[in-house]
Amino acid sequence: MDRAMVDWARRVGEAELATVLPRRWAHSQGVARRTADLARILGESSELLVAAATLHDVGYAPKLAVTGFHPLDGARFLRDEHGADERLVRLVANHSFALLEAEERGLREVLEAEFPLLEDRLLVDALVYCDMTTTPDGERTTAEERVAEIRGRYGDDSVVGRFIRRAAPEIFAAVGRVEEALGAPPMPERAMGEAQSRRG
């Protein structure tokens, strides 16, 4: 990986999101900024993470929304239109436990077949961490606040609401693993219990 991939990802993300979905682009830029904290634990995969963070929500662009499931639409766009790096495409396709939402949408088998989950757990967790500790406006937040915000925005009975309730324990675990790798104290048990009680 080299800096060229990061620059390319920014150009593609900006072209597809900045004008039509400026808030989504602000979030994507914020997620990319979060990756700076992880460079020391990811080494040579750092730039791959930056590119994936920048492009993880590109599938929300209206002209790319074929299935309406943004991880799949975005990954297909990056693969088919840009011939993007396979690892990058698989990260985008599976970001933040997308497989669980794919299941809610009847697309799990399609997603698994086209874009298998990467075996690099730390890299996969790192993208979850960056996405789930960034607000829709690109600011820092906690995973608990982010999950609560998503539930409030979409409603618990929506497809996204059902998905995020199922994914929340996995999200919190992934964030905890990254924090542990960074040498930060893991999320306190009390906070974990409060988060679980909010999920109901």
C-alpha atoms as a PDB file:
ATOM      1  CA  MET A   1       0.000   0.000   0.000  1.00  0.00           C
ATOM      2  CA  ASP A   2       1.118   3.531  -0.578  1.00  0.00           C
ATOM      3  CA  ARG A   3      -0.146   7.051  -0.241  1.00  0.00           C
ATOM      4  CA  ALA A   4      -1.603   6.865  -3.757  1.00  0.00           C
ATOM      5  CA  MET A   5      -4.423   4.609  -2.517  1.00  0.00           C
ATOM      6  CA  VAL A   6      -5.366   7.101   0.203  1.00  0.00           C
ATOM      7  CA  ASP A   7      -5.379   9.993  -2.256  1.00  0.00           C
ATOM      8  CA  TRP A   8      -7.432   7.987  -4.747  1.00  0.00           C
ATOM      9  CA  ALA A   9      -9.954   7.008  -2.055  1.00  0.00           C
ATOM     10  CA  ARG A  10     -10.413  10.627  -1.063  1.00  0.00           C
ATOM     11  CA  ARG A  11     -11.012  11.672  -4.668  1.00  0.00           C
ATOM     12  CA  VAL A  12     -13.579   8.918  -5.211  1.00  0.00           C
ATOM     13  CA  GLY A  13     -15.345   9.516  -1.914  1.00  0.00           C
ATOM     14  CA  GLU A  14     -15.538  13.246  -2.458  1.00  0.00           C
ATOM     15  CA  ALA A  15     -16.796  12.820  -6.029  1.00  0.00           C
ATOM     16  CA  GLU A  16     -19.577  10.463  -4.994  1.00  0.00           C
ATOM     17  CA  LEU A  17     -20.686  11.935  -1.654  1.00  0.00           C
ATOM     18  CA  ALA A  18     -19.579  15.531  -1.066  1.00  0.00           C
ATOM     19  CA  THR A  19     -22.268  17.249  -3.141  1.00  0.00           C
ATOM     20  CA  VAL A  20     -25.211  14.845  -2.891  1.00  0.00           C
ATOM     21  CA  LEU A  21     -24.722  13.688   0.715  1.00  0.00           C
ATOM     22  CA  PRO A  22     -22.504  16.251   2.472  1.00  0.00           C
ATOM     23  CA  ARG A  23     -23.265  14.990   5.975  1.00  0.00           C
ATOM     24  CA  ARG A  24     -22.402  11.441   4.971  1.00  0.00           C
ATOM     25  CA  TRP A  25     -19.151  12.767   3.518  1.00  0.00           C
ATOM     26  CA  ALA A  26     -18.438  14.636   6.768  1.00  0.00           C
ATOM     27  CA  HIS A  27     -18.912  11.366   8.655  1.00  0.00           C
ATOM     28  CA  SER A  28     -16.629   9.509   6.240  1.00  0.00           C
ATOM     29  CA  GLN A  29     -13.913  12.128   6.639  1.00  0.00           C
ATOM     30  CA  GLY A  30     -14.263  11.904  10.416  1.00  0.00           C
ATOM     31  CA  VAL A  31     -13.930   8.113  10.295  1.00  0.00           C
ATOM     32  CA  ALA A  32     -10.788   8.515   8.189  1.00  0.00           C
ATOM     33  CA  ARG A  33      -9.359  10.983  10.733  1.00  0.00           C
ATOM     34  CA  ARG A  34      -9.901   8.431  13.511  1.00  0.00           C
ATOM     35  CA  THR A  35      -7.525   6.039  11.765  1.00  0.00           C
ATOM     36  CA  ALA A  36      -4.569   8.235  12.742  1.00  0.00           C
ATOM     37  CA  ASP A  37      -4.853   6.888  16.283  1.00  0.00           C
ATOM     38  CA  LEU A  38      -4.369   3.322  15.034  1.00  0.00           C
ATOM     39  CA  ALA A  39      -1.353   3.666  12.753  1.00  0.00           C
ATOM     40  CA  ARG A  40       1.084   2.395  15.366  1.00  0.00           C
ATOM     41  CA  ILE A  41      -0.795  -0.891  15.863  1.00  0.00           C
ATOM     42  CA  LEU A  42      -1.583  -1.543  12.197  1.00  0.00           C
ATOM     43  CA  GLY A  43       1.784  -0.872  10.606  1.00  0.00           C
ATOM     44  CA  GLU A  44       1.749  -1.381   6.848  1.00  0.00           C
ATOM     45  CA  SER A  45      -2.045  -1.870   6.820  1.00  0.00           C
ATOM     46  CA  SER A  46      -2.582   1.702   8.028  1.00  0.00           C
ATOM     47  CA  GLU A  47      -3.131   3.229   4.609  1.00  0.00           C
ATOM     48  CA  LEU A  48      -5.511   0.428   3.641  1.00  0.00           C
ATOM     49  CA  LEU A  49      -7.554   1.320   6.733  1.00  0.00           C
ATOM     50  CA  VAL A  50      -7.562   5.029   5.810  1.00  0.00           C
ATOM     51  CA  ALA A  51      -8.828   4.209   2.310  1.00  0.00           C
ATOM     52  CA  ALA A  52     -11.526   1.867   3.630  1.00  0.00           C
ATOM     53  CA  ALA A  53     -12.602   4.426   6.236  1.00  0.00           C
ATOM     54  CA  THR A  54     -12.881   7.104   3.557  1.00  0.00           C
ATOM     55  CA  LEU A  55     -14.977   4.882   1.277  1.00  0.00           C
ATOM     56  CA  HIS A  56     -16.956   2.737   3.720  1.00  0.00           C
ATOM     57  CA  ASP A  57     -20.210   4.639   3.090  1.00  0.00           C
ATOM     58  CA  VAL A  58     -19.770   5.382  -0.622  1.00  0.00           C
ATOM     59  CA  GLY A  59     -22.648   2.990  -1.381  1.00  0.00           C
ATOM     60  CA  TYR A  60     -25.097   5.541   0.035  1.00  0.00           C
ATOM     61  CA  ALA A  61     -24.597   7.679  -3.082  1.00  0.00           C
ATOM     62  CA  PRO A  62     -28.007   7.646  -4.822  1.00  0.00           C
ATOM     63  CA  LYS A  63     -26.599   6.711  -8.215  1.00  0.00           C
ATOM     64  CA  LEU A  64     -24.865   3.671  -6.709  1.00  0.00           C
ATOM     65  CA  ALA A  65     -27.859   2.406  -4.695  1.00  0.00           C
ATOM     66  CA  VAL A  66     -28.799  -0.707  -6.668  1.00  0.00           C
ATOM     67  CA  THR A  67     -29.810  -3.018  -3.805  1.00  0.00           C
ATOM     68  CA  GLY A  68     -30.308  -0.235  -1.238  1.00  0.00           C
ATOM     69  CA  PHE A  69     -27.788  -1.978   1.043  1.00  0.00           C
ATOM     70  CA  HIS A  70     -24.864   0.431   1.086  1.00  0.00           C
ATOM     71  CA  PRO A  71     -21.998  -1.930   2.005  1.00  0.00           C
ATOM     72  CA  LEU A  72     -22.837  -4.219  -0.921  1.00  0.00           C
ATOM     73  CA  ASP A  73     -23.569  -1.405  -3.380  1.00  0.00           C
ATOM     74  CA  GLY A  74     -20.375   0.419  -2.414  1.00  0.00           C
ATOM     75  CA  ALA A  75     -18.191  -2.677  -2.645  1.00  0.00           C
ATOM     76  CA  ARG A  76     -19.594  -3.594  -6.056  1.00  0.00           C
ATOM     77  CA  PHE A  77     -18.985  -0.057  -7.304  1.00  0.00           C
ATOM     78  CA  LEU A  78     -15.383  -0.067  -6.100  1.00  0.00           C
ATOM     79  CA  ARG A  79     -14.746  -3.508  -7.587  1.00  0.00           C
ATOM     80  CA  ASP A  80     -16.569  -3.102 -10.885  1.00  0.00           C
ATOM     81  CA  GLU A  81     -15.982   0.565 -11.706  1.00  0.00           C
ATOM     82  CA  HIS A  82     -12.543   1.055 -10.201  1.00  0.00           C
ATOM     83  CA  GLY A  83     -10.965  -2.398  -9.972  1.00  0.00           C
ATOM     84  CA  ALA A  84     -10.081  -1.515  -6.380  1.00  0.00           C
ATOM     85  CA  ASP A  85      -7.796  -3.576  -4.165  1.00  0.00           C
ATOM     86  CA  GLU A  86      -9.601  -6.750  -3.072  1.00  0.00           C
ATOM     87  CA  ARG A  87      -8.875  -6.235   0.611  1.00  0.00           C
ATOM     88  CA  LEU A  88     -10.228  -2.694   0.447  1.00  0.00           C
ATOM     89  CA  VAL A  89     -13.404  -3.866  -1.269  1.00  0.00           C
ATOM     90  CA  ARG A  90     -13.937  -6.634   1.282  1.00  0.00           C
ATOM     91  CA  LEU A  91     -13.454  -4.198   4.160  1.00  0.00           C
ATOM     92  CA  VAL A  92     -16.065  -1.841   2.700  1.00  0.00           C
ATOM     93  CA  ALA A  93     -18.489  -4.716   2.055  1.00  0.00           C
ATOM     94  CA  ASN A  94     -18.246  -6.019   5.602  1.00  0.00           C
ATOM     95  CA  HIS A  95     -17.730  -2.861   7.636  1.00  0.00           C
ATOM     96  CA  SER A  96     -19.250  -2.678  11.108  1.00  0.00           C
ATOM     97  CA  PHE A  97     -20.795  -6.161  11.046  1.00  0.00           C
ATOM     98  CA  ALA A  98     -22.644  -5.575   7.788  1.00  0.00           C
ATOM     99  CA  LEU A  99     -23.227  -9.323   7.528  1.00  0.00           C
ATOM    100  CA  LEU A 100     -25.860  -9.042  10.261  1.00  0.00           C
ATOM    101  CA  GLU A 101     -27.692  -6.308   8.389  1.00  0.00           C
ATOM    102  CA  ALA A 102     -27.376  -8.318   5.175  1.00  0.00           C
ATOM    103  CA  GLU A 103     -29.156 -11.139   6.971  1.00  0.00           C
ATOM    104  CA  GLU A 104     -31.988  -8.797   7.956  1.00  0.00           C
ATOM    105  CA  ARG A 105     -32.289  -7.831   4.271  1.00  0.00           C
ATOM    106  CA  GLY A 106     -32.111 -11.356   2.885  1.00  0.00           C
ATOM    107  CA  LEU A 107     -28.692 -10.642   1.359  1.00  0.00           C
ATOM    108  CA  ARG A 108     -26.348 -12.576   3.639  1.00  0.00           C
ATOM    109  CA  GLU A 109     -25.549 -15.333   1.146  1.00  0.00           C
ATOM    110  CA  VAL A 110     -24.921 -12.784  -1.607  1.00  0.00           C
ATOM    111  CA  LEU A 111     -22.567 -10.727   0.561  1.00  0.00           C
ATOM    112  CA  GLU A 112     -20.677 -13.765   1.840  1.00  0.00           C
ATOM    113  CA  ALA A 113     -20.262 -15.198  -1.654  1.00  0.00           C
ATOM    114  CA  GLU A 114     -19.045 -12.008  -3.315  1.00  0.00           C
ATOM    115  CA  PHE A 115     -17.056 -10.455  -0.483  1.00  0.00           C
ATOM    116  CA  PRO A 116     -15.792 -12.877   2.179  1.00  0.00           C
ATOM    117  CA  LEU A 117     -14.815 -11.313   5.488  1.00  0.00           C
ATOM    118  CA  LEU A 118     -11.100 -10.655   5.826  1.00  0.00           C
ATOM    119  CA  GLU A 119      -9.275 -12.912   8.259  1.00  0.00           C
ATOM    120  CA  ASP A 120      -7.257  -9.982   9.654  1.00  0.00           C
ATOM    121  CA  ARG A 121      -9.316  -9.457  12.793  1.00  0.00           C
ATOM    122  CA  LEU A 122      -7.453  -6.395  14.022  1.00  0.00           C
ATOM    123  CA  LEU A 123      -7.931  -4.616  10.691  1.00  0.00           C
ATOM    124  CA  VAL A 124     -11.643  -5.503  10.607  1.00  0.00           C
ATOM    125  CA  ASP A 125     -12.036  -4.379  14.223  1.00  0.00           C
ATOM    126  CA  ALA A 126     -10.133  -1.176  13.480  1.00  0.00           C
ATOM    127  CA  LEU A 127     -12.680  -0.105  10.865  1.00  0.00           C
ATOM    128  CA  VAL A 128     -15.524  -0.896  13.284  1.00  0.00           C
ATOM    129  CA  TYR A 129     -13.763   1.179  15.924  1.00  0.00           C
ATOM    130  CA  CYS A 130     -13.301   4.188  13.647  1.00  0.00           C
ATOM    131  CA  ASP A 131     -16.851   4.054  12.264  1.00  0.00           C
ATOM    132  CA  MET A 132     -18.547   3.444  15.576  1.00  0.00           C
ATOM    133  CA  THR A 133     -16.716   6.157  17.490  1.00  0.00           C
ATOM    134  CA  THR A 134     -17.549   8.871  14.948  1.00  0.00           C
ATOM    135  CA  THR A 135     -20.797  10.850  14.827  1.00  0.00           C
ATOM    136  CA  PRO A 136     -22.805  11.475  11.643  1.00  0.00           C
ATOM    137  CA  ASP A 137     -21.130  14.914  11.530  1.00  0.00           C
ATOM    138  CA  GLY A 138     -17.614  13.505  11.798  1.00  0.00           C
ATOM    139  CA  GLU A 139     -16.943  14.227  15.475  1.00  0.00           C
ATOM    140  CA  ARG A 140     -15.640  11.823  18.093  1.00  0.00           C
ATOM    141  CA  THR A 141     -18.082   9.908  20.257  1.00  0.00           C
ATOM    142  CA  THR A 142     -18.313   6.663  22.199  1.00  0.00           C
ATOM    143  CA  ALA A 143     -19.576   3.409  20.741  1.00  0.00           C
ATOM    144  CA  GLU A 144     -22.459   3.442  23.220  1.00  0.00           C
ATOM    145  CA  GLU A 145     -23.560   6.925  22.175  1.00  0.00           C
ATOM    146  CA  ARG A 146     -23.202   6.013  18.507  1.00  0.00           C
ATOM    147  CA  VAL A 147     -25.366   2.902  18.824  1.00  0.00           C
ATOM    148  CA  ALA A 148     -27.984   4.879  20.758  1.00  0.00           C
ATOM    149  CA  GLU A 149     -27.948   7.595  18.079  1.00  0.00           C
ATOM    150  CA  ILE A 150     -28.462   5.048  15.288  1.00  0.00           C
ATOM    151  CA  ARG A 151     -31.332   3.418  17.168  1.00  0.00           C
ATOM    152  CA  GLY A 152     -32.929   6.798  17.724  1.00  0.00           C
ATOM    153  CA  ARG A 153     -32.499   7.879  14.123  1.00  0.00           C
ATOM    154  CA  TYR A 154     -33.868   4.740  12.486  1.00  0.00           C
ATOM    155  CA  GLY A 155     -36.179   3.341  15.182  1.00  0.00           C
ATOM    156  CA  ASP A 156     -35.928  -0.091  16.753  1.00  0.00           C
ATOM    157  CA  ASP A 157     -38.487  -1.653  14.401  1.00  0.00           C
ATOM    158  CA  SER A 158     -36.656  -0.672  11.203  1.00  0.00           C
ATOM    159  CA  VAL A 159     -34.227  -2.953   9.392  1.00  0.00           C
ATOM    160  CA  VAL A 160     -31.313  -0.837  10.619  1.00  0.00           C
ATOM    161  CA  GLY A 161     -32.766  -0.722  14.131  1.00  0.00           C
ATOM    162  CA  ARG A 162     -33.053  -4.508  14.283  1.00  0.00           C
ATOM    163  CA  PHE A 163     -29.553  -4.872  12.892  1.00  0.00           C
ATOM    164  CA  ILE A 164     -27.911  -2.424  15.293  1.00  0.00           C
ATOM    165  CA  ARG A 165     -29.519  -4.087  18.306  1.00  0.00           C
ATOM    166  CA  ARG A 166     -28.128  -7.438  17.160  1.00  0.00           C
ATOM    167  CA  ALA A 167     -24.732  -5.969  16.285  1.00  0.00           C
ATOM    168  CA  ALA A 168     -24.258  -3.861  19.421  1.00  0.00           C
ATOM    169  CA  PRO A 169     -22.530  -6.558  21.532  1.00  0.00           C
ATOM    170  CA  GLU A 170     -20.174  -7.305  18.636  1.00  0.00           C
ATOM    171  CA  ILE A 171     -19.503  -3.598  18.110  1.00  0.00           C
ATOM    172  CA  PHE A 172     -18.669  -3.038  21.772  1.00  0.00           C
ATOM    173  CA  ALA A 173     -16.424  -6.111  21.789  1.00  0.00           C
ATOM    174  CA  ALA A 174     -14.561  -4.943  18.673  1.00  0.00           C
ATOM    175  CA  VAL A 175     -14.057  -1.461  20.122  1.00  0.00           C
ATOM    176  CA  GLY A 176     -12.817  -3.054  23.344  1.00  0.00           C
ATOM    177  CA  ARG A 177     -10.305  -5.201  21.469  1.00  0.00           C
ATOM    178  CA  VAL A 178      -8.912  -2.161  19.642  1.00  0.00           C
ATOM    179  CA  GLU A 179      -8.692  -0.160  22.858  1.00  0.00           C
ATOM    180  CA  GLU A 180      -6.854  -3.061  24.454  1.00  0.00           C
ATOM    181  CA  ALA A 181      -4.445  -3.192  21.526  1.00  0.00           C
ATOM    182  CA  LEU A 182      -3.854   0.529  21.926  1.00  0.00           C
ATOM    183  CA  GLY A 183      -3.099   0.027  25.587  1.00  0.00           C
ATOM    184  CA  ALA A 184      -6.215   1.869  26.715  1.00  0.00           C
ATOM    185  CA  PRO A 185      -8.260   0.397  29.529  1.00  0.00           C
ATOM    186  CA  PRO A 186     -11.146  -1.701  28.190  1.00  0.00           C
ATOM    187  CA  MET A 187     -14.683  -0.427  28.531  1.00  0.00           C
ATOM    188  CA  PRO A 188     -15.693  -0.693  32.207  1.00  0.00           C
ATOM    189  CA  GLU A 189     -18.078  -3.515  33.063  1.00  0.00           C
ATOM    190  CA  ARG A 190     -20.568  -0.999  34.458  1.00  0.00           C
ATOM    191  CA  ALA A 191     -20.699   0.890  31.167  1.00  0.00           C
ATOM    192  CA  MET A 192     -21.062  -2.393  29.281  1.00  0.00           C
ATOM    193  CA  GLY A 193     -24.000  -3.358  31.511  1.00  0.00           C
ATOM    194  CA  GLU A 194     -25.677   0.002  31.003  1.00  0.00           C
ATOM    195  CA  ALA A 195     -25.253  -0.289  27.256  1.00  0.00           C
ATOM    196  CA  GLN A 196     -26.770  -3.769  27.254  1.00  0.00           C
ATOM    197  CA  SER A 197     -29.726  -2.613  29.350  1.00  0.00           C
ATOM    198  CA  ARG A 198     -30.375   0.220  26.870  1.00  0.00           C
ATOM    199  CA  ARG A 199     -30.501  -2.319  24.053  1.00  0.00           C
ATOM    200  CA  GLY A 200     -33.363  -4.019  25.884  1.00  0.00           C
END
